[in-house]
Structures are given as C-alpha cells and as structure tokens.
Amino acid sequence: MSTPLHTKNKPTLEFTNVSEIPSLVSKLRTNFNQSTTKDLKWRKHQLRQLAKLLKENTKQITDALYQDVKKNFEEAYTTEILICINEINDCLMNVDSWAKPEKVHGDILINAFDNCQIRSEPLGVCLIIGAWNYPIQLLLCPLIAALAAGNCCLLKPSEISVATAAALTELIPKYLDNNCIAMVNGGVVETTALLKEKFDHIFYTGNGTVGKIIMSAASKTLTPVVLELGGKSPVYVDKHCNTKIAAKRILWAKCINAGQTCISPDYILCHKDSQASLIEDFNVALKELHTENPKSSETFARIVNKNHFNRLATVFKKQLEINNKTKISIGGFENFDENELYIPPTILENVKSGDPIMHDEIFGPLLPIITVNSVDEAIEYVNDRDRPLAIYSFSEKNAVSEKLLRSTNSGVALVNDLLMNMPVGSLPFGGVGASGMGNYHGKNGFDALSHKRGVMIRQKGMEFLNELRYPPYSPLKWKVFVTAAEKSIPSDTTIFLTNLFKSSLSWFWLGLLLTLPFIAGYLSGKNRLF
C-alpha cells in the first residue's frame, strides 16, 4: 500500500528525554521568580516576536499543515495563522489597560476612604498542551494569552501532527525568550512525566478521556486548569428556515478540516417539514464548495492518520449494520479511500438516538440527521445528553432560536451560522460540563491565565472609625458599628433606581430634562441665558 501524497517526506519528531523535564520546569520557575515576565515591555516584545514568527514563516507552517492533514493554503492561513495574528493584535492593543490595577470603591461606610484595587498578576509557570487538529491555533492562542498575562510557558504540541510540531520546535527557540518559553515533544510517556511536575496552571485542548487524566493529575497539586474538550454539537434546523443558506453554511463548517474540528456540527436535529429541501440544498452546496468529486478538490482536507480513518470507518459500518434503515443521502462507504486517508462528506438520514454514530463525538465528515417535530423536541433531545461545546440554530423566527438558547446549555452558541464566533476576540470560547471548563480569547484568555489579587491600602488616619470595631462594645458603639458596616437588603424600587442612575444614558436624559426649562426660556426670549 502506497503512502498518501500529502504525508510523504514528513520530518521526524525527536521526543524530549524524560530526564530533562524537571530541569526545564525548574529553569522556567527560576526565571519567573526573577520577575522578567511581569514587565509589560517584555510581554509586548514576545507577542511581536510571535507575530513575526508567523509572518516570516507562513510558507513553512502552511506546508507543514498540508503534510499533516492536507489543509490547503487558504484554510490553513485563515483557521490557524490569521486567528493567532488577530489574538496578538488584540492583546497588544489592550494589555496595558488589562494589566492596570482596577480601582474599586469600598462599598461600606467603614471602608469608604480606603484604596481598594484588583491587580491582575501572572500565575507563574503554565503548561500548555495543544491538539493535533489545529496544531498552530490551539497551541499558540493559549500561549498568546499566557504571555500577555506575564507567565512563563512550557509548550507540549501534539505528536500526531508531526510536521507542524517539528516546525514549531525549530522556530519557537529562534524567536521567543528561551529562558521563559520552552517546548517538550513526546507522547504518553512524556506527557505523564510532565504531569508529575508542579505547574501554576495547565491549559489542555483535546478529548474528554485525557481531560479527566489531566484534571486528576492537577488535583494532586491543586493546580488550576482550563480544559477545552469537545462533544456532540447539534444543529437545529427549523421549519421556518431558508434551507439553501442553512445547507451551505452547515456543509462549509462540517467540511473544514474534514470535520476534525471541536465545534464542527456533529449532528442535525431537523424539523420534518424542512428535511427534504435541506437534503436537496446539501447536494447543490457540496458541488459549489468542493466540486462533484471532493476527493480531487484542493479545498477538502484528509483524515489525520490511519487510526482515525479506521475509527470513522468502523463507526460508519456499525451504523449500517445496527440500523439497516439508515439512508445515505450524500457520500457513502464505497468512496472511502484508506490509502489517501479520504472520507467524503457523508450525510445520513433515518438515524435514531441510540445508533452507533450517535454515541461519541464523530470528529470527521460524517453528518447524521435526526428528524424532529418541533423545537421543543429538539430541546428535550439536547438536554437529555451531555452539554455540548457548541449549539447552532437556523430559523427565520427569532423567538424559536431564543427559546433554544434559553432552554439549553452549551459552551458557545450561534444563530443562523456556524464557527464564525472563533474570529471574535471579545467572545469567550470554552466548554461547560463534559465539554470543558474555563474559556479564553482576548481578555477572557488574559483573565483565565491571571490571578485577580485583591489589594487594600488603608488610610493611616481616621482612627476614630477603626475604634468602632475594637472591643469593648457599648450599646451605642455597637449600633453605630452595625450601621456603618452592614448593608441593607434593597427593595425592587431601590434596585431599579440604582441601576437607572448607573447608566450614562440615564444621566444624559436627566441632564437634558433639567436644562429644558432654560432652553425653552432662552428660545422664547423671556429668560435669556446670556
């Protein structure tokens, strides 16, 4: 059997000697304790160097991504490099304000004159474990957040995406501060050794099985974690829906990276009245996006390796064996090509909730459709299962999509599209429940990898206020102390008025209202202002 063209001439990845790992971590710890990374100039320089790495080595990186999963240049650039560049831009533009101590007011009388602050401080030495499906984005975006927050970092790229890991291993030491950023390459043995070390934070992207191992290891040293996992992300297609638009957007999202995306649509909950037209529009959309033969299209990626190919092929065959009523509307097993690691976009109808293809996250270009009679049935289906990383809804009725959002839980949610939340740095990205914990992107990443340190600087004077807290307590002294220290429970009216006056728009209208008599008098000439 020949080697797939895109996997030929892959570089070898030299694994890190396990015995070197403790000294690597110790070196990072020493340099963090010297406060090098707390300097905002250092942080900005590292971020600019990382952007320089991506810009000056775009071809090497995109070539490596092609070798790993046959990503074409445009897809590799937009889903890997561009997202990182935008994250760097966001951090550079905002890190000064993010890192600046935030002044807060003492909210009881006895603290009214104190200087209260929230300081965002780096956690220390962070372990970042990337994933193979987006080996640039899912390793470097957490790194960007960690650097902006002022941490030292130990990076562990996925050993499955060999070419990209090798490229990063070569490039990162050339551009970034080797005293504060290091890399470890390897598999299970090396990762196990890493988890025996004491880190100040672990950021892991991958599957839930390994996520549990990471969390268990972290619990032994009470190390905080961000776990970016996955799950079966549903798409609801309503009866009131433009199926032409829905089909093209769903298929586009499913075909990116051959379905090997953590927020890829995993299955469709389709209203029975829309299903026939949706299938027709899928056929049209597939030809528009990837020609009549996606295998020959340069825009359709490949499965990462034979293990994952065989996993998908096995699930597909089991589905047809267990449920012989399964209808293949697009694609099919006869088009699978193990030699090329190619699985075509494949849409399955007549799928039932207990079928093999509905057990685990698919992570490939297979897309089952489950027919439902209403949005309520779709909501019930979603809520009976683990909380997904993403949930999508297509409906021309805003009330339908809003009902789905209010009645379900997911890490992220999109209405009338898929995946387009990823470029928006101001939106948090992360899972909930079985799909993960913690989030990042933009300020959310900075906050996730910072410690919010509460600081109070008390006035040296004003001792008469402090006397209230010292014993002994006379009845009068106690009454005054409680009055100064205890908050009252607000009525709904108080809450409304407080929130109203917090709004800058409210102050504008109040000011306008107060000046109206003067303006009216001026215009009438009866009460000139000047």
Protein backbone atom coordinates (compact mmCIF):
# COMPACT_ATOMS: atom_id res chain seq x y z
CA MET A 1 0.00 0.00 0.00
CA SER A 2 1.48 3.36 -1.05
CA THR A 3 1.93 6.34 1.23
CA PRO A 4 -0.61 9.19 0.84
CA LEU A 5 0.91 12.00 -1.20
CA HIS A 6 0.40 14.67 1.44
CA THR A 7 2.16 12.55 4.09
CA LYS A 8 5.33 11.85 2.10
CA ASN A 9 8.64 13.32 3.27
CA LYS A 10 7.29 14.17 6.70
CA PRO A 11 10.04 15.21 9.10
CA THR A 12 10.79 13.09 12.13
CA LEU A 13 9.94 14.46 15.55
CA GLU A 14 12.57 13.90 18.19
CA PHE A 15 10.96 13.26 21.56
CA THR A 16 12.30 15.05 24.62
CA ASN A 17 14.29 12.95 27.05
CA VAL A 18 12.09 12.47 30.12
CA SER A 19 15.06 13.07 32.41
CA GLU A 20 15.34 16.65 31.07
CA ILE A 21 11.81 17.67 32.01
CA PRO A 22 12.39 18.53 35.72
CA SER A 23 15.30 20.83 34.86
CA LEU A 24 13.24 22.56 32.15
CA VAL A 25 10.45 23.30 34.62
CA SER A 26 12.97 24.41 37.25
CA LYS A 27 14.59 26.82 34.79
CA LEU A 28 11.24 28.38 33.95
CA ARG A 29 10.41 28.68 37.66
CA THR A 30 13.71 30.42 38.40
CA ASN A 31 13.20 32.93 35.60
CA PHE A 32 9.62 33.64 36.61
CA ASN A 33 10.74 34.35 40.17
CA GLN A 34 13.13 36.97 38.78
CA SER A 35 10.03 38.89 37.59
CA THR A 36 11.25 39.06 33.99
CA THR A 37 7.82 38.26 32.58
CA LYS A 38 5.98 40.81 34.71
CA ASP A 39 7.48 43.63 32.65
CA LEU A 40 4.90 44.83 30.10
CA LYS A 41 7.68 45.67 27.64
CA TRP A 42 8.85 42.04 27.78
CA ARG A 43 5.31 40.77 27.21
CA LYS A 44 4.76 43.02 24.20
CA HIS A 45 8.12 42.10 22.71
CA GLN A 46 7.34 38.38 22.96
CA LEU A 47 3.94 38.92 21.33
CA ARG A 48 5.51 40.88 18.48
CA GLN A 49 8.15 38.19 18.07
CA LEU A 50 5.45 35.54 17.85
CA ALA A 51 3.66 37.56 15.16
CA LYS A 52 6.98 37.87 13.35
CA LEU A 53 7.45 34.09 13.56
CA LEU A 54 4.06 33.53 11.93
CA LYS A 55 4.51 36.16 9.23
CA GLU A 56 8.09 35.30 8.27
CA ASN A 57 7.47 31.55 8.19
CA THR A 58 3.98 31.35 6.72
CA LYS A 59 5.03 29.01 3.91
CA GLN A 60 6.89 26.62 6.21
CA ILE A 61 3.92 26.48 8.57
CA THR A 62 1.26 26.02 5.89
CA ASP A 63 3.39 23.37 4.17
CA ALA A 64 3.59 21.51 7.47
CA LEU A 65 -0.18 21.72 7.90
CA TYR A 66 -0.62 20.33 4.39
CA GLN A 67 1.66 17.42 5.27
CA ASP A 68 -0.30 16.69 8.44
CA VAL A 69 -3.91 16.90 7.19
CA LYS A 70 -3.74 18.22 3.61
CA LYS A 71 -5.05 21.64 4.58
CA ASN A 72 -4.98 23.96 1.58
CA PHE A 73 -3.17 27.27 1.99
CA GLU A 74 -6.29 29.43 2.39
CA GLU A 75 -7.84 27.18 5.03
CA ALA A 76 -4.54 26.77 6.86
CA TYR A 77 -3.93 30.52 6.91
CA THR A 78 -7.42 31.59 7.98
CA THR A 79 -8.05 28.90 10.61
CA GLU A 80 -4.55 28.84 12.08
CA ILE A 81 -2.32 31.84 11.37
CA LEU A 82 -4.89 34.62 10.91
CA ILE A 83 -6.66 33.81 14.18
CA CYS A 84 -3.33 33.92 16.05
CA ILE A 85 -2.35 37.23 14.42
CA ASN A 86 -5.68 38.76 15.44
CA GLU A 87 -5.26 37.48 19.00
CA ILE A 88 -1.82 39.07 19.17
CA ASN A 89 -3.24 42.35 17.86
CA ASP A 90 -5.99 42.31 20.49
CA CYS A 91 -3.50 41.67 23.28
CA LEU A 92 -1.02 44.32 22.14
CA MET A 93 -3.76 46.92 21.84
CA ASN A 94 -5.23 46.20 25.26
CA VAL A 95 -2.66 44.62 27.57
CA ASP A 96 -1.77 47.98 29.18
CA SER A 97 -5.35 48.52 30.31
CA TRP A 98 -5.91 44.84 31.18
CA ALA A 99 -2.82 44.77 33.41
CA LYS A 100 -3.52 48.13 35.05
CA PRO A 101 -4.79 47.86 38.63
CA GLU A 102 -8.55 48.32 38.68
CA LYS A 103 -9.74 50.68 41.36
CA VAL A 104 -12.90 49.65 43.18
CA HIS A 105 -14.79 51.52 45.85
CA GLY A 106 -15.17 50.41 49.42
CA ASP A 107 -18.87 49.67 49.46
CA ILE A 108 -19.50 50.07 53.18
CA LEU A 109 -19.04 53.21 55.24
CA ILE A 110 -16.07 52.00 57.28
CA ASN A 111 -14.12 51.35 54.03
CA ALA A 112 -15.23 54.47 52.20
CA PHE A 113 -11.82 56.15 52.41
CA ASP A 114 -9.67 53.09 51.63
CA ASN A 115 -7.77 52.50 48.39
CA CYS A 116 -9.17 49.20 47.05
CA GLN A 117 -7.69 47.60 43.93
CA ILE A 118 -7.89 44.45 41.83
CA ARG A 119 -4.48 43.62 40.39
CA SER A 120 -4.11 41.14 37.52
CA GLU A 121 -0.96 39.19 38.27
CA PRO A 122 0.67 36.31 36.36
CA LEU A 123 0.11 32.83 37.73
CA GLY A 124 3.66 31.59 37.20
CA VAL A 125 4.71 28.61 35.06
CA CYS A 126 1.97 27.38 32.73
CA LEU A 127 1.82 24.05 30.91
CA ILE A 128 0.04 24.30 27.55
CA ILE A 129 -0.88 21.04 25.83
CA GLY A 130 -2.03 21.53 22.25
CA ALA A 131 -4.16 19.41 19.93
CA TRP A 132 -3.40 17.84 16.55
CA ASN A 133 -6.42 19.10 14.60
CA TYR A 134 -5.42 22.78 14.77
CA PRO A 135 -1.81 22.43 15.91
CA ILE A 136 -0.93 26.11 15.46
CA GLN A 137 -4.06 27.84 16.74
CA LEU A 138 -4.73 25.55 19.69
CA LEU A 139 -1.16 25.78 20.98
CA LEU A 140 -0.34 29.40 20.20
CA CYS A 141 -3.62 31.12 21.19
CA PRO A 142 -3.26 29.88 24.79
CA LEU A 143 0.41 30.90 24.60
CA ILE A 144 -0.59 34.40 23.48
CA ALA A 145 -2.93 34.73 26.46
CA ALA A 146 -0.28 33.37 28.82
CA LEU A 147 2.40 35.77 27.54
CA ALA A 148 0.04 38.75 27.72
CA ALA A 149 -0.68 37.81 31.33
CA GLY A 150 3.06 37.61 32.10
CA ASN A 151 3.62 33.87 32.57
CA CYS A 152 6.44 31.51 31.73
CA CYS A 153 5.25 28.68 29.49
CA LEU A 154 6.11 25.07 28.75
CA LEU A 155 4.57 24.03 25.42
CA LYS A 156 3.63 20.46 24.52
CA PRO A 157 2.46 20.20 20.89
CA SER A 158 0.59 17.12 19.72
CA GLU A 159 2.85 14.35 18.46
CA ILE A 160 0.16 13.32 15.95
CA SER A 161 0.63 16.47 13.83
CA VAL A 162 4.29 15.60 13.32
CA ALA A 163 5.22 18.12 10.63
CA THR A 164 3.72 21.09 12.44
CA ALA A 165 5.24 20.08 15.78
CA ALA A 166 8.64 19.79 14.11
CA ALA A 167 8.25 23.24 12.53
CA LEU A 168 7.32 24.83 15.86
CA THR A 169 10.20 23.08 17.62
CA GLU A 170 12.56 24.67 15.12
CA LEU A 171 11.03 28.14 15.04
CA ILE A 172 9.98 28.98 18.60
CA PRO A 173 13.53 28.99 20.08
CA LYS A 174 14.62 31.35 17.28
CA TYR A 175 12.03 33.99 18.06
CA LEU A 176 10.98 33.75 21.71
CA ASP A 177 12.81 34.07 25.02
CA ASN A 178 14.24 30.60 25.69
CA ASN A 179 14.60 31.37 29.38
CA CYS A 180 10.84 31.79 29.75
CA ILE A 181 9.31 29.67 26.96
CA ALA A 182 10.29 26.04 26.41
CA MET A 183 8.97 23.03 24.48
CA VAL A 184 8.61 19.33 25.18
CA ASN A 185 7.86 16.81 22.44
CA GLY A 186 6.55 13.33 23.02
CA GLY A 187 3.61 11.04 23.57
CA VAL A 188 2.01 9.40 26.58
CA VAL A 189 5.28 8.77 28.44
CA GLU A 190 6.48 12.35 28.13
CA THR A 191 3.08 13.83 28.97
CA THR A 192 2.84 11.62 32.04
CA ALA A 193 6.24 12.87 33.16
CA LEU A 194 5.13 16.47 32.63
CA LEU A 195 2.07 15.96 34.80
CA LYS A 196 4.26 14.87 37.70
CA GLU A 197 5.77 18.35 37.81
CA LYS A 198 4.28 21.27 39.74
CA PHE A 199 2.79 23.91 37.47
CA ASP A 200 0.80 27.02 38.32
CA HIS A 201 -1.71 26.38 35.55
CA ILE A 202 -2.43 23.67 32.98
CA PHE A 203 -4.19 24.52 29.73
CA TYR A 204 -5.27 21.41 27.82
CA THR A 205 -7.08 21.07 24.50
CA GLY A 206 -8.22 17.60 23.46
CA ASN A 207 -10.69 14.86 24.27
CA GLY A 208 -12.58 14.27 27.49
CA THR A 209 -10.83 11.00 28.35
CA VAL A 210 -7.42 12.67 28.51
CA GLY A 211 -9.04 15.73 30.09
CA LYS A 212 -10.03 13.61 33.09
CA ILE A 213 -6.43 12.36 33.40
CA ILE A 214 -5.15 15.95 33.26
CA MET A 215 -7.62 17.09 35.91
CA SER A 216 -6.84 14.15 38.17
CA ALA A 217 -3.10 14.86 37.98
CA ALA A 218 -3.67 18.59 38.55
CA SER A 219 -5.79 17.92 41.63
CA LYS A 220 -2.81 16.35 43.41
CA THR A 221 -1.08 19.73 43.49
CA LEU A 222 -4.26 21.85 43.43
CA THR A 223 -3.24 23.25 40.06
CA PRO A 224 -5.97 25.20 38.24
CA VAL A 225 -6.87 24.03 34.75
CA VAL A 226 -8.59 25.16 31.60
CA LEU A 227 -9.93 22.14 29.72
CA GLU A 228 -11.01 22.77 26.13
CA LEU A 229 -12.69 19.49 25.24
CA GLY A 230 -15.37 18.65 22.71
CA GLY A 231 -18.64 16.83 22.43
CA LYS A 232 -21.52 16.31 20.05
CA SER A 233 -22.51 19.80 18.90
CA PRO A 234 -26.05 19.84 17.46
CA VAL A 235 -27.61 21.98 14.74
CA TYR A 236 -31.33 22.66 14.89
CA VAL A 237 -32.98 23.38 11.52
CA ASP A 238 -36.44 24.82 12.00
CA LYS A 239 -39.50 24.50 9.76
CA HIS A 240 -39.22 28.26 9.17
CA CYS A 241 -35.79 28.22 7.60
CA ASN A 242 -34.01 29.18 4.40
CA THR A 243 -32.59 25.72 3.78
CA LYS A 244 -30.39 26.92 0.93
CA ILE A 245 -28.44 29.20 3.26
CA ALA A 246 -28.51 26.68 6.12
CA ALA A 247 -27.24 23.83 3.93
CA LYS A 248 -24.29 25.81 2.57
CA ARG A 249 -23.23 27.13 5.97
CA ILE A 250 -23.61 23.76 7.69
CA LEU A 251 -21.71 21.91 4.97
CA TRP A 252 -18.98 24.55 4.91
CA ALA A 253 -18.49 24.16 8.66
CA LYS A 254 -18.59 20.36 8.52
CA CYS A 255 -16.05 20.17 5.70
CA ILE A 256 -13.47 22.49 7.24
CA ASN A 257 -10.50 20.30 8.20
CA ALA A 258 -12.59 17.30 7.04
CA GLY A 259 -14.83 17.63 10.07
CA GLN A 260 -11.92 17.38 12.52
CA THR A 261 -12.94 20.47 14.48
CA CYS A 262 -14.08 20.55 18.09
CA ILE A 263 -17.04 22.83 17.28
CA SER A 264 -17.88 21.13 14.00
CA PRO A 265 -21.60 20.33 13.63
CA ASP A 266 -21.86 16.75 14.89
CA TYR A 267 -25.48 16.06 14.02
CA ILE A 268 -28.60 17.83 12.78
CA LEU A 269 -31.95 17.96 14.53
CA CYS A 270 -34.08 18.77 11.51
CA HIS A 271 -37.76 19.66 11.54
CA LYS A 272 -39.62 17.14 9.39
CA ASP A 273 -41.02 19.90 7.14
CA SER A 274 -37.53 21.12 6.18
CA GLN A 275 -35.64 17.86 5.72
CA ALA A 276 -36.37 17.15 2.06
CA SER A 277 -35.37 20.63 0.90
CA LEU A 278 -32.32 20.61 3.18
CA ILE A 279 -31.02 17.42 1.54
CA GLU A 280 -31.56 18.87 -1.93
CA ASP A 281 -29.68 22.00 -0.96
CA PHE A 282 -26.85 19.94 0.56
CA ASN A 283 -26.26 18.35 -2.84
CA VAL A 284 -26.10 21.74 -4.52
CA ALA A 285 -23.85 23.22 -1.83
CA LEU A 286 -21.38 20.33 -1.98
CA LYS A 287 -20.81 20.85 -5.70
CA GLU A 288 -20.37 24.60 -5.19
CA LEU A 289 -17.88 24.20 -2.36
CA HIS A 290 -15.88 21.11 -3.29
CA THR A 291 -16.93 20.15 -6.86
CA GLU A 292 -18.73 16.94 -7.77
CA ASN A 293 -15.71 14.97 -6.58
CA PRO A 294 -14.38 16.35 -3.27
CA LYS A 295 -11.54 13.81 -3.40
CA SER A 296 -9.96 15.67 -6.30
CA SER A 297 -10.70 19.08 -4.78
CA GLU A 298 -7.79 21.02 -3.32
CA THR A 299 -10.18 22.52 -0.77
CA PHE A 300 -11.03 19.28 1.07
CA ALA A 301 -8.63 18.02 3.75
CA ARG A 302 -7.80 14.47 4.81
CA ILE A 303 -8.12 12.41 7.99
CA VAL A 304 -5.02 12.84 10.11
CA ASN A 305 -3.89 9.18 10.23
CA LYS A 306 -4.99 5.58 9.72
CA ASN A 307 -6.10 5.11 13.31
CA HIS A 308 -8.64 7.89 12.99
CA PHE A 309 -9.62 6.73 9.50
CA ASN A 310 -10.30 3.22 10.80
CA ARG A 311 -12.23 4.62 13.78
CA LEU A 312 -14.57 6.52 11.46
CA ALA A 313 -14.90 3.60 9.03
CA THR A 314 -15.79 1.26 11.91
CA VAL A 315 -18.45 3.62 13.28
CA PHE A 316 -19.93 4.02 9.81
CA LYS A 317 -20.10 0.27 9.16
CA LYS A 318 -21.61 -0.40 12.60
CA GLN A 319 -24.25 2.24 11.92
CA LEU A 320 -25.34 0.46 8.74
CA GLU A 321 -25.31 -2.93 10.46
CA ILE A 322 -27.32 -1.88 13.53
CA ASN A 323 -29.79 0.36 11.70
CA ASN A 324 -30.44 -1.06 8.24
CA LYS A 325 -32.92 1.75 7.57
CA THR A 326 -30.10 4.31 7.54
CA LYS A 327 -30.22 6.21 4.26
CA ILE A 328 -27.03 7.60 2.73
CA SER A 329 -28.09 10.84 1.03
CA ILE A 330 -24.60 12.06 0.13
CA GLY A 331 -21.28 10.20 0.07
CA GLY A 332 -21.03 6.62 1.24
CA PHE A 333 -18.59 3.90 2.23
CA GLU A 334 -17.76 2.99 -1.37
CA ASN A 335 -16.00 6.37 -1.65
CA PHE A 336 -13.77 5.86 1.43
CA ASP A 337 -10.08 5.59 0.47
CA GLU A 338 -7.75 4.38 3.22
CA ASN A 339 -4.69 4.85 1.03
CA GLU A 340 -5.47 8.56 0.68
CA LEU A 341 -6.98 8.86 4.18
CA TYR A 342 -10.02 10.25 2.39
CA ILE A 343 -13.56 10.11 3.71
CA PRO A 344 -16.12 12.05 1.65
CA PRO A 345 -18.71 14.39 3.11
CA THR A 346 -21.40 11.87 4.04
CA ILE A 347 -24.94 12.67 5.16
CA LEU A 348 -27.06 10.01 6.82
CA GLU A 349 -30.85 10.08 7.24
CA ASN A 350 -33.23 7.94 9.31
CA VAL A 351 -30.76 7.96 12.21
CA LYS A 352 -32.06 7.13 15.69
CA SER A 353 -30.81 8.48 19.01
CA GLY A 354 -29.35 5.15 20.15
CA ASP A 355 -27.46 4.40 16.93
CA PRO A 356 -23.67 3.81 16.97
CA ILE A 357 -22.95 7.08 15.18
CA MET A 358 -24.72 8.99 17.98
CA HIS A 359 -22.66 7.57 20.86
CA ASP A 360 -19.47 9.63 20.68
CA GLU A 361 -18.18 12.77 19.01
CA ILE A 362 -17.73 11.93 15.32
CA PHE A 363 -14.75 14.18 14.55
CA GLY A 364 -14.92 13.57 10.82
CA PRO A 365 -17.02 14.40 7.74
CA LEU A 366 -19.98 12.15 8.67
CA LEU A 367 -23.18 14.08 9.39
CA PRO A 368 -26.27 12.26 10.72
CA ILE A 369 -29.75 13.79 10.63
CA ILE A 370 -32.36 13.09 13.29
CA THR A 371 -35.89 14.15 12.39
CA VAL A 372 -37.88 16.13 14.99
CA ASN A 373 -41.40 17.52 15.03
CA SER A 374 -40.74 20.76 16.90
CA VAL A 375 -38.14 22.92 18.62
CA ASP A 376 -39.40 21.53 21.93
CA GLU A 377 -38.48 18.01 20.82
CA ALA A 378 -35.03 19.25 19.79
CA ILE A 379 -34.56 20.94 23.17
CA GLU A 380 -35.55 17.77 25.01
CA TYR A 381 -33.08 15.75 22.93
CA VAL A 382 -30.20 18.14 23.67
CA ASN A 383 -30.97 18.37 27.38
CA ASP A 384 -31.04 14.59 27.80
CA ARG A 385 -27.34 14.46 26.89
CA ASP A 386 -24.00 15.94 27.94
CA ARG A 387 -23.73 19.67 27.45
CA PRO A 388 -22.14 20.29 24.04
CA LEU A 389 -19.29 22.63 23.24
CA ALA A 390 -21.48 24.44 20.70
CA ILE A 391 -25.12 24.58 19.68
CA TYR A 392 -26.40 26.02 16.42
CA SER A 393 -29.84 27.12 15.28
CA PHE A 394 -31.30 28.04 11.91
CA SER A 395 -34.70 29.70 11.96
CA GLU A 396 -36.34 32.75 10.48
CA LYS A 397 -38.29 33.11 13.71
CA ASN A 398 -36.19 34.88 16.35
CA ALA A 399 -38.45 33.52 19.07
CA VAL A 400 -37.58 29.95 18.07
CA SER A 401 -33.83 30.49 18.27
CA GLU A 402 -34.20 32.46 21.50
CA LYS A 403 -36.21 29.62 23.01
CA LEU A 404 -33.46 27.17 22.08
CA LEU A 405 -30.84 29.42 23.66
CA ARG A 406 -32.82 29.93 26.87
CA SER A 407 -33.72 26.27 27.27
CA THR A 408 -30.32 24.62 26.65
CA ASN A 409 -26.73 24.89 27.88
CA SER A 410 -23.58 24.84 25.77
CA GLY A 411 -20.10 26.30 25.73
CA VAL A 412 -20.93 28.66 22.86
CA ALA A 413 -23.97 29.19 20.65
CA LEU A 414 -24.57 30.63 17.19
CA VAL A 415 -27.80 31.53 15.46
CA ASN A 416 -28.03 31.22 11.66
CA ASP A 417 -24.37 30.29 11.19
CA LEU A 418 -21.55 28.09 12.49
CA LEU A 419 -17.93 28.59 13.60
CA MET A 420 -17.99 32.35 12.96
CA ASN A 421 -17.62 33.08 16.66
CA MET A 422 -13.99 31.98 16.52
CA PRO A 423 -12.56 35.19 14.96
CA VAL A 424 -14.37 37.39 17.52
CA GLY A 425 -11.79 38.00 20.21
CA SER A 426 -14.25 39.67 22.58
CA LEU A 427 -16.36 36.50 22.82
CA PRO A 428 -15.28 33.87 25.36
CA PHE A 429 -14.61 30.42 23.94
CA GLY A 430 -14.81 27.35 26.14
CA GLY A 431 -16.91 24.41 27.20
CA VAL A 432 -19.30 23.64 30.02
CA GLY A 433 -19.84 20.35 31.81
CA ALA A 434 -18.46 17.45 29.78
CA SER A 435 -17.30 19.80 27.02
CA GLY A 436 -14.78 21.53 29.26
CA MET A 437 -14.19 24.28 31.79
CA GLY A 438 -12.74 27.75 31.58
CA ASN A 439 -12.56 29.93 28.48
CA TYR A 440 -10.19 32.14 26.55
CA HIS A 441 -9.71 34.50 23.56
CA GLY A 442 -8.99 38.19 24.05
CA LYS A 443 -9.42 39.48 27.59
CA ASN A 444 -11.05 36.20 28.60
CA GLY A 445 -7.74 34.44 27.95
CA PHE A 446 -5.81 37.12 29.83
CA ASP A 447 -8.14 36.72 32.81
CA ALA A 448 -8.01 32.91 32.67
CA LEU A 449 -4.22 32.98 32.99
CA SER A 450 -4.04 35.76 35.58
CA HIS A 451 -4.67 35.85 39.30
CA LYS A 452 -7.06 38.58 40.40
CA ARG A 453 -5.37 39.81 43.55
CA GLY A 454 -7.49 41.92 45.87
CA VAL A 455 -5.42 44.71 47.44
CA MET A 456 -6.48 47.23 50.07
CA ILE A 457 -4.32 50.16 51.16
CA ARG A 458 -5.82 51.66 54.32
CA GLN A 459 -5.59 55.23 55.47
CA LYS A 460 -3.24 55.77 58.41
CA GLY A 461 -5.54 58.33 59.95
CA MET A 462 -9.28 58.19 60.52
CA GLU A 463 -8.65 56.08 63.63
CA PHE A 464 -11.96 57.16 65.11
CA LEU A 465 -13.65 54.93 62.51
CA ASN A 466 -11.43 52.00 63.44
CA GLU A 467 -12.33 52.47 67.11
CA LEU A 468 -15.80 51.22 66.23
CA ARG A 469 -14.51 47.70 65.59
CA TYR A 470 -12.45 47.34 68.76
CA PRO A 471 -13.95 45.89 71.94
CA PRO A 472 -15.43 46.56 74.39
CA TYR A 473 -18.77 47.37 72.75
CA SER A 474 -21.28 49.67 74.37
CA PRO A 475 -24.86 49.52 73.02
CA LEU A 476 -24.37 52.83 71.21
CA LYS A 477 -20.98 51.85 69.80
CA TRP A 478 -22.36 48.53 68.56
CA LYS A 479 -25.32 50.24 66.92
CA VAL A 480 -23.06 52.73 65.14
CA PHE A 481 -20.72 49.94 64.01
CA VAL A 482 -23.54 47.85 62.54
CA THR A 483 -24.96 50.92 60.79
CA ALA A 484 -21.55 51.64 59.24
CA ALA A 485 -20.70 48.04 58.34
CA GLU A 486 -23.94 46.30 57.40
CA LYS A 487 -25.67 46.67 54.06
CA SER A 488 -29.44 46.88 53.90
CA ILE A 489 -31.44 44.49 51.73
CA PRO A 490 -32.69 46.61 48.80
CA SER A 491 -36.25 46.75 47.58
CA ASP A 492 -37.05 46.29 43.89
CA THR A 493 -37.55 50.06 43.61
CA THR A 494 -34.11 50.74 45.09
CA ILE A 495 -32.52 48.25 42.70
CA PHE A 496 -34.29 49.83 39.73
CA LEU A 497 -33.30 53.38 40.66
CA THR A 498 -29.70 52.38 41.41
CA ASN A 499 -29.31 50.64 38.06
CA LEU A 500 -31.02 53.54 36.33
CA PHE A 501 -28.58 56.08 37.68
CA LYS A 502 -25.61 53.84 36.90
CA SER A 503 -26.45 54.21 33.25
CA SER A 504 -24.63 57.07 31.50
CA LEU A 505 -27.60 57.34 29.15
CA SER A 506 -29.85 57.98 32.15
CA TRP A 507 -27.64 60.85 33.27
CA PHE A 508 -27.81 62.30 29.77
CA TRP A 509 -31.61 62.30 29.76
CA LEU A 510 -31.74 63.65 33.32
CA GLY A 511 -29.40 66.48 32.37
CA LEU A 512 -31.44 67.22 29.28
CA LEU A 513 -34.64 67.24 31.31
CA LEU A 514 -33.20 69.70 33.84
CA THR A 515 -31.96 72.08 31.15
CA LEU A 516 -35.14 72.06 29.07
CA PRO A 517 -36.80 74.94 31.02
CA PHE A 518 -33.72 77.12 30.49
CA ILE A 519 -33.53 76.23 26.81
CA ALA A 520 -37.24 76.93 26.37
CA GLY A 521 -36.90 80.26 28.15
CA TYR A 522 -33.91 81.25 26.05
CA LEU A 523 -35.68 80.42 22.82
CA SER A 524 -38.78 82.38 23.86
CA GLY A 525 -36.69 85.38 24.85
CA LYS A 526 -38.29 85.55 28.29
CA ASN A 527 -35.33 84.21 30.24
CA ARG A 528 -32.15 84.80 28.29
CA LEU A 529 -29.14 82.81 29.45
CA PHE A 530 -26.59 85.41 28.36
